[in-house]
Amino acid sequence: MIETQPDVRFERKFVAAGDQYHHLRWWLRARPDGFATAYPPRRINNAYFDRGSYQSFDESLSGVSERDKVRYRWYGPHDEPRSGQLEVKRRRNRVGWKLTFPVELDLPERPRWSRVLSDISRSVPAAGRYWLAHFAVPMLINRYQREYFVSADGSLRVTLDSCQQAFDQRYSSFVNTRQAVTLDDVVVMEVKCAPDDVDAASEVLSDLPISVSRHSKYCSSLAALAGL
């Protein structure tokens, strides 16, 4: 598989208790860097795929420096998959990039996963089919609310995620969005920038009232589903 030159970015995640959401939002707004709303808030929905050996889960949990994650993302209030995009998140040490393949879906209510996978596969180019073939096991659906912010000079992007829910897909032939697992009430703040802006990002974040923390929504959701 030939991959074009990726848009590499540096990422840092911070996790805090859910009741710190408004405090973090205030911190962003009060900063002299001029963080402003970059995009209207919206709900994010993801269907995560893995291998039968739980490869993505194990590598992320272990902090493997070179790892990949495959998901299907759609936006808005619809519980079941709609038109969106197949995404492959690739990480190499402290930087990462994302491959994105737009998808048009027209599915019946509560579709079978075999139908979802086949329709996505038909909608993407060979590179997308390659990843979907290698990570073909539906593991879970998660969803959360996201707010978007950007610094005045455009060098830093920040998102705040809250109200997370997850739904187990491992033992169902059909898309399951009927019974959510209970997740910890947390807010996830993610900071993204180009590698050249890492020093500036570190300076901005030096007085952040919470500490940096490794966090994966996929891993935390799957661990909750498995009772770990």
Protein backbone atom coordinates (compact mmCIF):
# COMPACT_ATOMS: atom_id res chain seq x y z
CA MET A 1 0.00 0.00 0.00
CA ILE A 2 1.35 3.43 -1.01
CA GLU A 3 0.59 6.28 1.38
CA THR A 4 0.86 9.96 0.49
CA GLN A 5 2.88 12.34 2.67
CA PRO A 6 0.89 12.65 5.92
CA ASP A 7 -0.11 15.83 7.73
CA VAL A 8 1.88 15.04 10.87
CA ARG A 9 0.77 16.64 14.13
CA PHE A 10 1.85 16.67 17.76
CA GLU A 11 -0.86 15.70 20.25
CA ARG A 12 -1.24 15.92 24.01
CA LYS A 13 -4.22 14.74 26.03
CA PHE A 14 -5.33 15.85 29.47
CA VAL A 15 -8.01 14.16 31.53
CA ALA A 16 -9.96 15.70 34.38
CA ALA A 17 -13.07 14.93 36.41
CA GLY A 18 -16.30 15.86 34.66
CA ASP A 19 -17.04 18.67 37.11
CA GLN A 20 -13.88 20.46 35.85
CA TYR A 21 -15.38 21.03 32.41
CA HIS A 22 -16.42 24.65 32.96
CA HIS A 23 -13.16 25.39 34.76
CA LEU A 24 -11.14 24.22 31.73
CA ARG A 25 -13.40 26.13 29.38
CA TRP A 26 -12.90 29.29 31.46
CA TRP A 27 -9.11 28.71 31.47
CA LEU A 28 -9.08 28.60 27.66
CA ARG A 29 -11.22 31.69 27.31
CA ALA A 30 -9.18 33.69 29.85
CA ARG A 31 -5.79 33.01 28.29
CA PRO A 32 -3.99 35.92 26.57
CA ASP A 33 -3.45 33.65 23.55
CA GLY A 34 -6.99 34.48 22.48
CA PHE A 35 -8.59 31.03 22.18
CA ALA A 36 -11.87 31.30 20.34
CA THR A 37 -14.53 28.89 19.17
CA ALA A 38 -13.30 27.26 15.98
CA TYR A 39 -16.41 25.26 15.12
CA PRO A 40 -19.91 24.82 16.57
CA PRO A 41 -20.19 22.09 19.25
CA ARG A 42 -21.46 18.74 17.99
CA ARG A 43 -21.80 15.09 18.88
CA ILE A 44 -19.09 12.72 17.68
CA ASN A 45 -19.94 9.07 16.97
CA ASN A 46 -17.29 6.39 16.35
CA ALA A 47 -17.42 2.72 15.50
CA TYR A 48 -14.06 1.14 16.35
CA PHE A 49 -12.68 -1.89 14.56
CA ASP A 50 -9.88 -4.18 15.68
CA ARG A 51 -8.45 -7.59 15.00
CA GLY A 52 -9.70 -10.69 16.75
CA SER A 53 -6.52 -10.59 18.82
CA TYR A 54 -7.40 -7.10 20.17
CA GLN A 55 -4.22 -5.75 18.60
CA SER A 56 -5.14 -2.05 18.66
CA PHE A 57 -6.36 -2.29 22.24
CA ASP A 58 -3.22 -4.07 23.48
CA GLU A 59 -0.81 -1.77 21.64
CA SER A 60 -2.52 1.39 22.86
CA LEU A 61 -2.77 0.11 26.43
CA SER A 62 0.92 -0.86 26.41
CA GLY A 63 2.02 2.45 24.89
CA VAL A 64 3.62 0.86 21.82
CA SER A 65 5.38 3.67 19.98
CA GLU A 66 4.20 2.59 16.52
CA ARG A 67 0.50 1.75 16.41
CA ASP A 68 -2.60 2.15 14.27
CA LYS A 69 -6.30 2.47 15.01
CA VAL A 70 -9.24 2.11 12.60
CA ARG A 71 -12.67 3.66 13.15
CA TYR A 72 -15.72 4.89 11.29
CA ARG A 73 -16.90 8.37 12.32
CA TRP A 74 -20.15 10.20 11.77
CA TYR A 75 -21.54 13.39 13.29
CA GLY A 76 -24.83 14.47 14.80
CA PRO A 77 -27.67 12.94 16.82
CA HIS A 78 -28.09 9.71 14.83
CA ASP A 79 -27.28 6.69 17.01
CA GLU A 80 -26.57 4.31 14.13
CA PRO A 81 -23.97 4.82 11.37
CA ARG A 82 -24.71 7.50 8.79
CA SER A 83 -22.63 9.02 6.01
CA GLY A 84 -19.26 9.99 7.44
CA GLN A 85 -15.67 8.88 7.07
CA LEU A 86 -13.42 5.91 7.61
CA GLU A 87 -10.41 7.05 9.62
CA VAL A 88 -7.05 5.43 10.28
CA LYS A 89 -5.11 7.02 13.12
CA ARG A 90 -1.40 6.31 12.83
CA ARG A 91 1.01 7.11 15.65
CA ARG A 92 4.78 7.09 15.69
CA ASN A 93 6.23 8.05 19.07
CA ARG A 94 4.78 11.45 20.06
CA VAL A 95 3.45 12.49 16.66
CA GLY A 96 0.56 11.15 14.65
CA TRP A 97 -1.46 11.62 11.51
CA LYS A 98 -4.82 10.53 10.20
CA LEU A 99 -5.92 8.97 6.91
CA THR A 100 -9.49 9.94 6.03
CA PHE A 101 -11.82 8.33 3.48
CA PRO A 102 -15.26 9.95 2.95
CA VAL A 103 -18.16 7.48 2.92
CA GLU A 104 -21.79 7.75 1.76
CA LEU A 105 -24.09 5.36 3.63
CA ASP A 106 -27.78 4.59 3.20
CA LEU A 107 -28.53 1.85 5.71
CA PRO A 108 -31.75 0.33 7.07
CA GLU A 109 -32.63 0.72 10.74
CA ARG A 110 -30.45 -1.44 13.04
CA PRO A 111 -28.37 -2.86 10.18
CA ARG A 112 -26.20 -5.95 10.32
CA TRP A 113 -22.51 -5.26 10.74
CA SER A 114 -21.81 -7.31 7.61
CA ARG A 115 -23.91 -4.79 5.65
CA VAL A 116 -22.18 -1.81 7.27
CA LEU A 117 -18.72 -3.15 6.50
CA SER A 118 -19.55 -4.08 2.92
CA ASP A 119 -21.11 -0.67 2.21
CA ILE A 120 -18.13 1.18 3.69
CA SER A 121 -15.74 -1.02 1.72
CA ARG A 122 -17.54 -0.24 -1.54
CA SER A 123 -17.36 3.49 -0.82
CA VAL A 124 -13.63 3.84 -0.19
CA PRO A 125 -10.56 3.48 -2.44
CA ALA A 126 -8.12 0.58 -2.27
CA ALA A 127 -6.16 2.14 0.61
CA GLY A 128 -9.31 2.29 2.75
CA ARG A 129 -10.26 -1.28 1.87
CA TYR A 130 -6.78 -2.39 2.89
CA TRP A 131 -7.23 -1.07 6.43
CA LEU A 132 -10.79 -2.29 6.76
CA ALA A 133 -9.74 -5.78 5.69
CA HIS A 134 -6.99 -5.89 8.33
CA PHE A 135 -9.14 -4.42 11.13
CA ALA A 136 -12.51 -5.98 10.38
CA VAL A 137 -13.96 -6.84 13.81
CA PRO A 138 -16.55 -4.34 15.16
CA MET A 139 -15.65 -3.76 18.82
CA LEU A 140 -17.65 -0.83 20.12
CA ILE A 141 -19.49 2.38 19.33
CA ASN A 142 -18.77 5.42 21.45
CA ARG A 143 -20.15 8.93 21.37
CA TYR A 144 -19.50 12.22 23.15
CA GLN A 145 -20.00 15.97 22.92
CA ARG A 146 -17.11 18.02 21.54
CA GLU A 147 -16.23 21.71 21.62
CA TYR A 148 -13.56 23.17 19.33
CA PHE A 149 -11.14 26.03 20.06
CA VAL A 150 -8.23 27.61 18.18
CA SER A 151 -5.57 30.10 19.27
CA ALA A 152 -5.53 33.58 17.76
CA ASP A 153 -2.57 32.78 15.52
CA GLY A 154 -4.09 29.44 14.44
CA SER A 155 -1.13 27.38 15.63
CA LEU A 156 -2.92 25.51 18.44
CA ARG A 157 -6.19 23.59 18.26
CA VAL A 158 -7.94 22.41 21.40
CA THR A 159 -10.97 20.16 21.83
CA LEU A 160 -13.02 19.43 24.95
CA ASP A 161 -14.91 16.12 25.03
CA SER A 162 -17.57 15.24 27.58
CA CYS A 163 -20.67 13.09 28.17
CA GLN A 164 -19.10 9.88 26.89
CA GLN A 165 -21.13 6.74 26.24
CA ALA A 166 -20.13 3.34 24.84
CA PHE A 167 -21.99 0.39 23.35
CA ASP A 168 -20.62 -3.13 23.01
CA GLN A 169 -20.55 -4.57 19.47
CA ARG A 170 -18.42 -7.68 20.05
CA TYR A 171 -21.21 -10.21 20.43
CA SER A 172 -23.89 -8.79 18.15
CA SER A 173 -24.46 -9.34 14.45
CA PHE A 174 -26.49 -6.12 14.41
CA VAL A 175 -25.46 -2.59 15.31
CA ASN A 176 -26.16 -2.22 19.04
CA THR A 177 -27.03 1.23 20.40
CA ARG A 178 -29.68 0.16 22.91
CA GLN A 179 -27.74 -0.32 26.14
CA ALA A 180 -24.81 1.89 27.08
CA VAL A 181 -22.09 0.88 29.52
CA THR A 182 -21.39 3.19 32.45
CA LEU A 183 -18.18 5.17 31.93
CA ASP A 184 -16.26 7.41 34.29
CA ASP A 185 -17.46 11.01 34.22
CA VAL A 186 -14.41 12.75 32.75
CA VAL A 187 -13.60 15.57 30.39
CA VAL A 188 -10.83 14.98 27.86
CA MET A 189 -8.88 17.98 26.61
CA GLU A 190 -6.76 17.39 23.53
CA VAL A 191 -4.19 19.84 22.21
CA LYS A 192 -2.93 19.54 18.64
CA CYS A 193 -0.29 21.45 16.73
CA ALA A 194 2.37 21.09 14.06
CA PRO A 195 5.73 19.68 15.24
CA ASP A 196 7.33 23.11 14.76
CA ASP A 197 4.93 24.63 17.31
CA VAL A 198 5.58 22.16 20.15
CA ASP A 199 7.64 24.64 22.21
CA ALA A 200 4.93 27.28 21.92
CA ALA A 201 2.31 24.73 22.94
CA SER A 202 4.34 23.69 25.98
CA GLU A 203 4.62 27.31 27.09
CA VAL A 204 0.89 27.91 26.71
CA LEU A 205 0.08 24.76 28.67
CA SER A 206 2.61 25.32 31.44
CA ASP A 207 -0.04 26.70 33.81
CA LEU A 208 -2.78 24.25 32.90
CA PRO A 209 -4.53 23.24 36.15
CA ILE A 210 -4.44 19.51 35.30
CA SER A 211 -1.55 17.24 34.34
CA VAL A 212 -0.81 15.46 31.07
CA SER A 213 -2.17 11.94 30.93
CA ARG A 214 -2.27 9.10 28.45
CA HIS A 215 -5.86 8.45 27.49
CA SER A 216 -7.62 6.49 24.78
CA LYS A 217 -11.39 6.63 24.47
CA TYR A 218 -11.26 3.30 22.69
CA CYS A 219 -9.25 1.62 25.46
CA SER A 220 -11.19 3.13 28.34
CA SER A 221 -14.52 2.19 26.71
CA LEU A 222 -13.45 -1.35 25.86
CA ALA A 223 -12.02 -1.86 29.36
CA ALA A 224 -15.36 -0.78 30.83
CA LEU A 225 -17.23 -3.12 28.50
CA ALA A 226 -14.96 -6.01 29.50
CA GLY A 227 -15.19 -5.18 33.19
CA LEU A 228 -11.47 -4.46 33.51
